[in-house]
């Protein structure tokens, strides 16, 4: 999952797939333990992405991480334990990256569009994200629920700030939850444009971004109702 990154420019969002140092290069005992845990997480994500949760055995995970099977139990209680922690950890990284990408927007619409682009760039460096997410309801339901709640809470905070600034009108609290699920679903299915290109360096088509911008502009700002659209 993690790949080496180029030098970061000032103001650039954090690399969504930072380099994970080799645990063998850790200095202190605590540092070495931290790196081993990261290596196990990284390996689990790759294995689940490639083979699915069902075939993600401790043997395959430890072999990919380059550690002994006994070492695994110093960091996780069981196979299910690491699988339950995988999606929330990956989801947290995704939200951090998307949030950083959106901060330069001056309006709610601008921030949401920038965050949408940020989600696509996250997928470029985490091509296994969708399989990890889509299989989680069956193989890691607690992780899936935790992920949904985390993303929903982030969206609701975002909407509440927009409503305080008068950028969102005409929606009740319950209706904002529906809007959040709609936008979450849009990212889920539109993510295909970021994962089916010829190269990981390919950009999301501008018409996809423009269609998304039109949808959220008319749906959240009320312009559609004002113009009779």
C-alpha atoms as a PDB file:
ATOM      1  CA  UNK A   1       0.000   0.000   0.000  1.00  0.00           C
ATOM      2  CA  UNK A   2       2.741   2.440   0.841  1.00  0.00           C
ATOM      3  CA  UNK A   3       5.025   3.763  -1.864  1.00  0.00           C
ATOM      4  CA  UNK A   4       8.077   6.046  -1.853  1.00  0.00           C
ATOM      5  CA  UNK A   5       7.092   9.690  -2.200  1.00  0.00           C
ATOM      6  CA  UNK A   6       8.764  12.659  -3.897  1.00  0.00           C
ATOM      7  CA  UNK A   7       9.835  15.755  -1.886  1.00  0.00           C
ATOM      8  CA  UNK A   8       6.751  17.673  -0.731  1.00  0.00           C
ATOM      9  CA  UNK A   9       6.288  21.324  -1.719  1.00  0.00           C
ATOM     10  CA  UNK A  10       5.171  23.922   0.799  1.00  0.00           C
ATOM     11  CA  UNK A  11       1.394  23.869   1.199  1.00  0.00           C
ATOM     12  CA  UNK A  12       1.034  20.554  -0.607  1.00  0.00           C
ATOM     13  CA  UNK A  13      -1.219  17.951   0.997  1.00  0.00           C
ATOM     14  CA  UNK A  14       0.532  15.093   2.805  1.00  0.00           C
ATOM     15  CA  UNK A  15       1.455  12.128   0.648  1.00  0.00           C
ATOM     16  CA  UNK A  16      -1.556   9.784   0.984  1.00  0.00           C
ATOM     17  CA  UNK A  17       0.787   6.797   0.766  1.00  0.00           C
ATOM     18  CA  UNK A  18       3.904   7.753   2.764  1.00  0.00           C
ATOM     19  CA  UNK A  19       6.952   5.545   2.726  1.00  0.00           C
ATOM     20  CA  UNK A  20       6.973   2.900   5.460  1.00  0.00           C
ATOM     21  CA  UNK A  21      10.577   2.413   6.616  1.00  0.00           C
ATOM     22  CA  UNK A  22      11.938  -1.105   6.885  1.00  0.00           C
ATOM     23  CA  UNK A  23      11.343  -2.291  10.456  1.00  0.00           C
ATOM     24  CA  UNK A  24      14.846  -3.789  10.432  1.00  0.00           C
ATOM     25  CA  UNK A  25      16.234  -0.252  10.372  1.00  0.00           C
ATOM     26  CA  UNK A  26      14.491   0.767  13.585  1.00  0.00           C
ATOM     27  CA  UNK A  27      16.745   2.165  16.279  1.00  0.00           C
ATOM     28  CA  UNK A  28      15.223   1.815  19.714  1.00  0.00           C
ATOM     29  CA  UNK A  29      13.060  -1.099  20.782  1.00  0.00           C
ATOM     30  CA  UNK A  30       9.949   1.088  20.754  1.00  0.00           C
ATOM     31  CA  UNK A  31      10.737   2.416  17.294  1.00  0.00           C
ATOM     32  CA  UNK A  32      11.312  -1.075  15.986  1.00  0.00           C
ATOM     33  CA  UNK A  33       7.992  -2.243  17.442  1.00  0.00           C
ATOM     34  CA  UNK A  34       6.179   0.687  15.829  1.00  0.00           C
ATOM     35  CA  UNK A  35       7.698  -0.074  12.441  1.00  0.00           C
ATOM     36  CA  UNK A  36       6.796  -3.766  12.715  1.00  0.00           C
ATOM     37  CA  UNK A  37       3.173  -2.857  13.469  1.00  0.00           C
ATOM     38  CA  UNK A  38       3.118  -0.534  10.442  1.00  0.00           C
ATOM     39  CA  UNK A  39       4.618  -3.264   8.276  1.00  0.00           C
ATOM     40  CA  UNK A  40       1.934  -5.717   9.394  1.00  0.00           C
ATOM     41  CA  UNK A  41      -0.826  -3.186   8.666  1.00  0.00           C
ATOM     42  CA  UNK A  42       0.676  -2.428   5.280  1.00  0.00           C
ATOM     43  CA  UNK A  43       0.967  -6.125   4.447  1.00  0.00           C
ATOM     44  CA  UNK A  44      -2.596  -6.856   5.579  1.00  0.00           C
ATOM     45  CA  UNK A  45      -3.936  -4.088   3.340  1.00  0.00           C
ATOM     46  CA  UNK A  46      -2.058  -5.411   0.337  1.00  0.00           C
ATOM     47  CA  UNK A  47      -3.126  -9.015   0.916  1.00  0.00           C
ATOM     48  CA  UNK A  48      -6.795  -8.118   1.424  1.00  0.00           C
ATOM     49  CA  UNK A  49      -6.678  -5.895  -1.661  1.00  0.00           C
ATOM     50  CA  UNK A  50      -5.140  -8.623  -3.780  1.00  0.00           C
ATOM     51  CA  UNK A  51      -6.880 -11.745  -2.453  1.00  0.00           C
ATOM     52  CA  UNK A  52      -9.774 -10.583  -0.291  1.00  0.00           C
ATOM     53  CA  UNK A  53     -10.420 -10.848   3.441  1.00  0.00           C
ATOM     54  CA  UNK A  54     -11.187 -14.558   3.272  1.00  0.00           C
ATOM     55  CA  UNK A  55      -7.705 -15.485   2.033  1.00  0.00           C
ATOM     56  CA  UNK A  56      -5.809 -12.974   4.175  1.00  0.00           C
ATOM     57  CA  UNK A  57      -4.118 -15.419   6.523  1.00  0.00           C
ATOM     58  CA  UNK A  58      -1.635 -14.591   9.258  1.00  0.00           C
ATOM     59  CA  UNK A  59       0.943 -16.606   7.336  1.00  0.00           C
ATOM     60  CA  UNK A  60       0.577 -14.473   4.214  1.00  0.00           C
ATOM     61  CA  UNK A  61       0.536 -11.236   6.207  1.00  0.00           C
ATOM     62  CA  UNK A  62       3.680 -12.044   8.192  1.00  0.00           C
ATOM     63  CA  UNK A  63       5.490 -13.327   5.109  1.00  0.00           C
ATOM     64  CA  UNK A  64       4.722 -10.089   3.272  1.00  0.00           C
ATOM     65  CA  UNK A  65       5.824  -8.027   6.274  1.00  0.00           C
ATOM     66  CA  UNK A  66       8.966 -10.117   6.717  1.00  0.00           C
ATOM     67  CA  UNK A  67       8.338 -11.045  10.355  1.00  0.00           C
ATOM     68  CA  UNK A  68       7.863 -14.313  12.223  1.00  0.00           C
ATOM     69  CA  UNK A  69       4.310 -15.469  12.929  1.00  0.00           C
ATOM     70  CA  UNK A  70       4.957 -15.306  16.651  1.00  0.00           C
ATOM     71  CA  UNK A  71       5.774 -11.605  16.315  1.00  0.00           C
ATOM     72  CA  UNK A  72       2.292 -10.983  14.939  1.00  0.00           C
ATOM     73  CA  UNK A  73       0.744 -11.735  18.339  1.00  0.00           C
ATOM     74  CA  UNK A  74       2.859  -9.067  20.000  1.00  0.00           C
ATOM     75  CA  UNK A  75       0.795  -6.497  18.104  1.00  0.00           C
ATOM     76  CA  UNK A  76      -2.599  -8.074  17.369  1.00  0.00           C
ATOM     77  CA  UNK A  77      -4.725 -10.543  19.286  1.00  0.00           C
ATOM     78  CA  UNK A  78      -5.859 -12.477  16.230  1.00  0.00           C
ATOM     79  CA  UNK A  79      -6.352 -12.420  12.487  1.00  0.00           C
ATOM     80  CA  UNK A  80      -9.771 -10.842  13.005  1.00  0.00           C
ATOM     81  CA  UNK A  81      -8.236  -8.174  15.225  1.00  0.00           C
ATOM     82  CA  UNK A  82      -6.002  -6.809  12.476  1.00  0.00           C
ATOM     83  CA  UNK A  83      -8.800  -7.065   9.905  1.00  0.00           C
ATOM     84  CA  UNK A  84     -11.128  -5.114  12.212  1.00  0.00           C
ATOM     85  CA  UNK A  85      -8.536  -2.353  12.583  1.00  0.00           C
ATOM     86  CA  UNK A  86      -7.581  -2.171   8.897  1.00  0.00           C
ATOM     87  CA  UNK A  87     -10.448  -0.177   7.375  1.00  0.00           C
ATOM     88  CA  UNK A  88     -10.749   2.409  10.192  1.00  0.00           C
ATOM     89  CA  UNK A  89      -7.005   3.093   9.963  1.00  0.00           C
ATOM     90  CA  UNK A  90      -7.131   3.413   6.191  1.00  0.00           C
ATOM     91  CA  UNK A  91     -10.290   5.502   6.378  1.00  0.00           C
ATOM     92  CA  UNK A  92      -8.665   7.851   8.867  1.00  0.00           C
ATOM     93  CA  UNK A  93      -5.740   8.394   6.483  1.00  0.00           C
ATOM     94  CA  UNK A  94      -8.185   9.059   3.654  1.00  0.00           C
ATOM     95  CA  UNK A  95     -10.115  11.663   5.648  1.00  0.00           C
ATOM     96  CA  UNK A  96      -6.919  13.397   6.713  1.00  0.00           C
ATOM     97  CA  UNK A  97      -5.751  13.629   3.106  1.00  0.00           C
ATOM     98  CA  UNK A  98      -9.128  14.776   1.770  1.00  0.00           C
ATOM     99  CA  UNK A  99      -9.464  17.334   4.551  1.00  0.00           C
ATOM    100  CA  UNK A 100      -6.056  18.802   3.803  1.00  0.00           C
ATOM    101  CA  UNK A 101      -6.871  19.005   0.096  1.00  0.00           C
ATOM    102  CA  UNK A 102     -10.111  20.884   0.756  1.00  0.00           C
ATOM    103  CA  UNK A 103      -8.742  23.562   3.097  1.00  0.00           C
ATOM    104  CA  UNK A 104      -7.791  26.001   0.356  1.00  0.00           C
ATOM    105  CA  UNK A 105     -11.412  26.370  -0.780  1.00  0.00           C
ATOM    106  CA  UNK A 106     -13.120  29.608   0.251  1.00  0.00           C
ATOM    107  CA  UNK A 107     -16.705  28.350  -0.016  1.00  0.00           C
ATOM    108  CA  UNK A 108     -18.432  25.107   0.895  1.00  0.00           C
ATOM    109  CA  UNK A 109     -18.757  24.170  -2.783  1.00  0.00           C
ATOM    110  CA  UNK A 110     -15.088  24.851  -3.479  1.00  0.00           C
ATOM    111  CA  UNK A 111     -13.995  22.837  -0.465  1.00  0.00           C
ATOM    112  CA  UNK A 112     -16.205  19.891  -1.405  1.00  0.00           C
ATOM    113  CA  UNK A 113     -14.907  19.846  -4.993  1.00  0.00           C
ATOM    114  CA  UNK A 114     -11.297  20.038  -3.779  1.00  0.00           C
ATOM    115  CA  UNK A 115     -12.018  17.239  -1.321  1.00  0.00           C
ATOM    116  CA  UNK A 116     -13.546  15.209  -4.143  1.00  0.00           C
ATOM    117  CA  UNK A 117     -10.344  15.607  -6.158  1.00  0.00           C
ATOM    118  CA  UNK A 118      -8.378  14.674  -3.048  1.00  0.00           C
ATOM    119  CA  UNK A 119     -10.362  11.461  -2.726  1.00  0.00           C
ATOM    120  CA  UNK A 120      -9.354  10.522  -6.271  1.00  0.00           C
ATOM    121  CA  UNK A 121      -5.682  11.203  -5.564  1.00  0.00           C
ATOM    122  CA  UNK A 122      -5.932   9.005  -2.466  1.00  0.00           C
ATOM    123  CA  UNK A 123      -7.305   6.162  -4.597  1.00  0.00           C
ATOM    124  CA  UNK A 124      -4.357   6.459  -6.967  1.00  0.00           C
ATOM    125  CA  UNK A 125      -1.966   5.514  -4.178  1.00  0.00           C
ATOM    126  CA  UNK A 126      -4.357   3.117  -2.436  1.00  0.00           C
ATOM    127  CA  UNK A 127      -5.792   1.022  -5.289  1.00  0.00           C
ATOM    128  CA  UNK A 128      -6.927  -1.672  -2.823  1.00  0.00           C
ATOM    129  CA  UNK A 129      -9.182   0.687  -0.867  1.00  0.00           C
ATOM    130  CA  UNK A 130     -12.402  -0.287  -2.641  1.00  0.00           C
ATOM    131  CA  UNK A 131     -11.970  -4.011  -2.142  1.00  0.00           C
ATOM    132  CA  UNK A 132     -11.110  -3.487   1.522  1.00  0.00           C
ATOM    133  CA  UNK A 133     -14.218  -1.304   1.891  1.00  0.00           C
ATOM    134  CA  UNK A 134     -16.636  -3.380  -0.189  1.00  0.00           C
ATOM    135  CA  UNK A 135     -15.835  -6.708   1.489  1.00  0.00           C
ATOM    136  CA  UNK A 136     -15.802  -5.274   5.011  1.00  0.00           C
ATOM    137  CA  UNK A 137     -19.579  -5.668   5.662  1.00  0.00           C
ATOM    138  CA  UNK A 138     -19.188  -9.447   5.363  1.00  0.00           C
ATOM    139  CA  UNK A 139     -15.747 -10.018   6.885  1.00  0.00           C
ATOM    140  CA  UNK A 140     -15.188  -7.029   9.186  1.00  0.00           C
ATOM    141  CA  UNK A 141     -18.655  -5.605   9.987  1.00  0.00           C
ATOM    142  CA  UNK A 142     -17.477  -3.719  13.079  1.00  0.00           C
ATOM    143  CA  UNK A 143     -14.778  -2.034  11.029  1.00  0.00           C
ATOM    144  CA  UNK A 144     -17.268  -1.157   8.309  1.00  0.00           C
ATOM    145  CA  UNK A 145     -19.680   0.413  10.798  1.00  0.00           C
ATOM    146  CA  UNK A 146     -16.879   2.371  12.441  1.00  0.00           C
ATOM    147  CA  UNK A 147     -15.768   3.646   9.038  1.00  0.00           C
ATOM    148  CA  UNK A 148     -19.267   4.752   8.055  1.00  0.00           C
ATOM    149  CA  UNK A 149     -19.754   6.589  11.338  1.00  0.00           C
ATOM    150  CA  UNK A 150     -16.376   8.315  11.010  1.00  0.00           C
ATOM    151  CA  UNK A 151     -17.068   9.546   7.470  1.00  0.00           C
ATOM    152  CA  UNK A 152     -20.641  10.550   8.339  1.00  0.00           C
ATOM    153  CA  UNK A 153     -19.515  12.551  11.378  1.00  0.00           C
ATOM    154  CA  UNK A 154     -16.953  14.361   9.229  1.00  0.00           C
ATOM    155  CA  UNK A 155     -19.555  15.275   6.641  1.00  0.00           C
ATOM    156  CA  UNK A 156     -22.040  16.487   9.246  1.00  0.00           C
ATOM    157  CA  UNK A 157     -19.423  18.770  10.828  1.00  0.00           C
ATOM    158  CA  UNK A 158     -18.695  20.109   7.355  1.00  0.00           C
ATOM    159  CA  UNK A 159     -22.394  20.726   6.681  1.00  0.00           C
ATOM    160  CA  UNK A 160     -22.982  22.383  10.041  1.00  0.00           C
ATOM    161  CA  UNK A 161     -20.231  24.908   9.349  1.00  0.00           C
ATOM    162  CA  UNK A 162     -21.722  25.576   5.931  1.00  0.00           C
ATOM    163  CA  UNK A 163     -25.166  26.098   7.430  1.00  0.00           C
ATOM    164  CA  UNK A 164     -23.762  28.538   9.998  1.00  0.00           C
ATOM    165  CA  UNK A 165     -22.297  30.582   7.135  1.00  0.00           C
ATOM    166  CA  UNK A 166     -25.576  30.511   5.215  1.00  0.00           C
ATOM    167  CA  UNK A 167     -24.169  28.324   2.436  1.00  0.00           C
ATOM    168  CA  UNK A 168     -26.658  25.490   3.047  1.00  0.00           C
ATOM    169  CA  UNK A 169     -30.359  26.304   3.200  1.00  0.00           C
ATOM    170  CA  UNK A 170     -33.579  24.349   3.426  1.00  0.00           C
ATOM    171  CA  UNK A 171     -32.280  21.092   4.950  1.00  0.00           C
ATOM    172  CA  UNK A 172     -33.196  19.610   8.317  1.00  0.00           C
ATOM    173  CA  UNK A 173     -30.696  17.658  10.412  1.00  0.00           C
ATOM    174  CA  UNK A 174     -32.163  14.354   9.212  1.00  0.00           C
ATOM    175  CA  UNK A 175     -32.036  15.509   5.604  1.00  0.00           C
ATOM    176  CA  UNK A 176     -28.357  16.435   5.940  1.00  0.00           C
ATOM    177  CA  UNK A 177     -27.667  12.810   6.888  1.00  0.00           C
ATOM    178  CA  UNK A 178     -29.321  11.753   3.638  1.00  0.00           C
ATOM    179  CA  UNK A 179     -27.194  14.246   1.690  1.00  0.00           C
ATOM    180  CA  UNK A 180     -24.078  12.874   3.359  1.00  0.00           C
ATOM    181  CA  UNK A 181     -24.933   9.323   2.304  1.00  0.00           C
ATOM    182  CA  UNK A 182     -25.641  10.536  -1.246  1.00  0.00           C
ATOM    183  CA  UNK A 183     -22.223  12.182  -1.503  1.00  0.00           C
ATOM    184  CA  UNK A 184     -20.514   9.188   0.103  1.00  0.00           C
ATOM    185  CA  UNK A 185     -22.186   6.940  -2.457  1.00  0.00           C
ATOM    186  CA  UNK A 186     -21.164   9.245  -5.296  1.00  0.00           C
ATOM    187  CA  UNK A 187     -17.520   8.991  -4.301  1.00  0.00           C
ATOM    188  CA  UNK A 188     -17.791   5.239  -3.971  1.00  0.00           C
ATOM    189  CA  UNK A 189     -19.131   4.677  -7.473  1.00  0.00           C
ATOM    190  CA  UNK A 190     -17.339   7.534  -9.237  1.00  0.00           C
ATOM    191  CA  UNK A 191     -14.079   6.189  -7.874  1.00  0.00           C
ATOM    192  CA  UNK A 192     -13.970   3.926 -10.928  1.00  0.00           C
ATOM    193  CA  UNK A 193     -12.616   6.885 -12.895  1.00  0.00           C
ATOM    194  CA  UNK A 194      -9.565   6.929 -10.650  1.00  0.00           C
ATOM    195  CA  UNK A 195      -8.909   3.193 -10.708  1.00  0.00           C
ATOM    196  CA  UNK A 196      -9.442   2.180 -14.344  1.00  0.00           C
ATOM    197  CA  UNK A 197      -6.997   4.473 -16.114  1.00  0.00           C
ATOM    198  CA  UNK A 198      -3.933   3.368 -18.038  1.00  0.00           C
ATOM    199  CA  UNK A 199      -1.603   4.896 -15.465  1.00  0.00           C
ATOM    200  CA  UNK A 200      -1.654   5.890 -11.826  1.00  0.00           C
ATOM    201  CA  UNK A 201      -0.517   9.321 -13.041  1.00  0.00           C
ATOM    202  CA  UNK A 202      -3.669   9.839 -15.150  1.00  0.00           C
ATOM    203  CA  UNK A 203      -5.991  12.599 -13.999  1.00  0.00           C
ATOM    204  CA  UNK A 204      -9.692  12.386 -13.262  1.00  0.00           C
ATOM    205  CA  UNK A 205     -11.586  13.748 -16.312  1.00  0.00           C
ATOM    206  CA  UNK A 206     -12.610  17.364 -15.849  1.00  0.00           C
ATOM    207  CA  UNK A 207     -16.159  16.561 -16.966  1.00  0.00           C
ATOM    208  CA  UNK A 208     -16.527  14.207 -14.006  1.00  0.00           C
ATOM    209  CA  UNK A 209     -15.502  16.962 -11.588  1.00  0.00           C
ATOM    210  CA  UNK A 210     -17.771  19.458 -13.365  1.00  0.00           C
ATOM    211  CA  UNK A 211     -20.782  17.132 -13.188  1.00  0.00           C
ATOM    212  CA  UNK A 212     -20.167  16.646  -9.461  1.00  0.00           C
ATOM    213  CA  UNK A 213     -19.813  20.403  -8.947  1.00  0.00           C
ATOM    214  CA  UNK A 214     -23.103  21.079 -10.720  1.00  0.00           C
ATOM    215  CA  UNK A 215     -24.874  18.478  -8.612  1.00  0.00           C
ATOM    216  CA  UNK A 216     -23.727  19.809  -5.260  1.00  0.00           C
ATOM    217  CA  UNK A 217     -24.142  23.463  -6.289  1.00  0.00           C
ATOM    218  CA  UNK A 218     -27.800  23.052  -7.169  1.00  0.00           C
ATOM    219  CA  UNK A 219     -28.498  20.563  -4.409  1.00  0.00           C
ATOM    220  CA  UNK A 220     -26.894  22.367  -1.464  1.00  0.00           C
ATOM    221  CA  UNK A 221     -27.040  26.085  -2.296  1.00  0.00           C
ATOM    222  CA  UNK A 222     -30.670  26.109  -3.484  1.00  0.00           C
ATOM    223  CA  UNK A 223     -29.808  27.627  -6.882  1.00  0.00           C
ATOM    224  CA  UNK A 224     -31.797  24.927  -8.641  1.00  0.00           C
ATOM    225  CA  UNK A 225     -34.994  25.971  -6.835  1.00  0.00           C
ATOM    226  CA  UNK A 226     -34.307  29.668  -7.372  1.00  0.00           C
ATOM    227  CA  UNK A 227     -34.002  29.246 -11.148  1.00  0.00           C
ATOM    228  CA  UNK A 228     -36.828  26.764 -11.457  1.00  0.00           C
ATOM    229  CA  UNK A 229     -34.397  24.044 -12.560  1.00  0.00           C
END
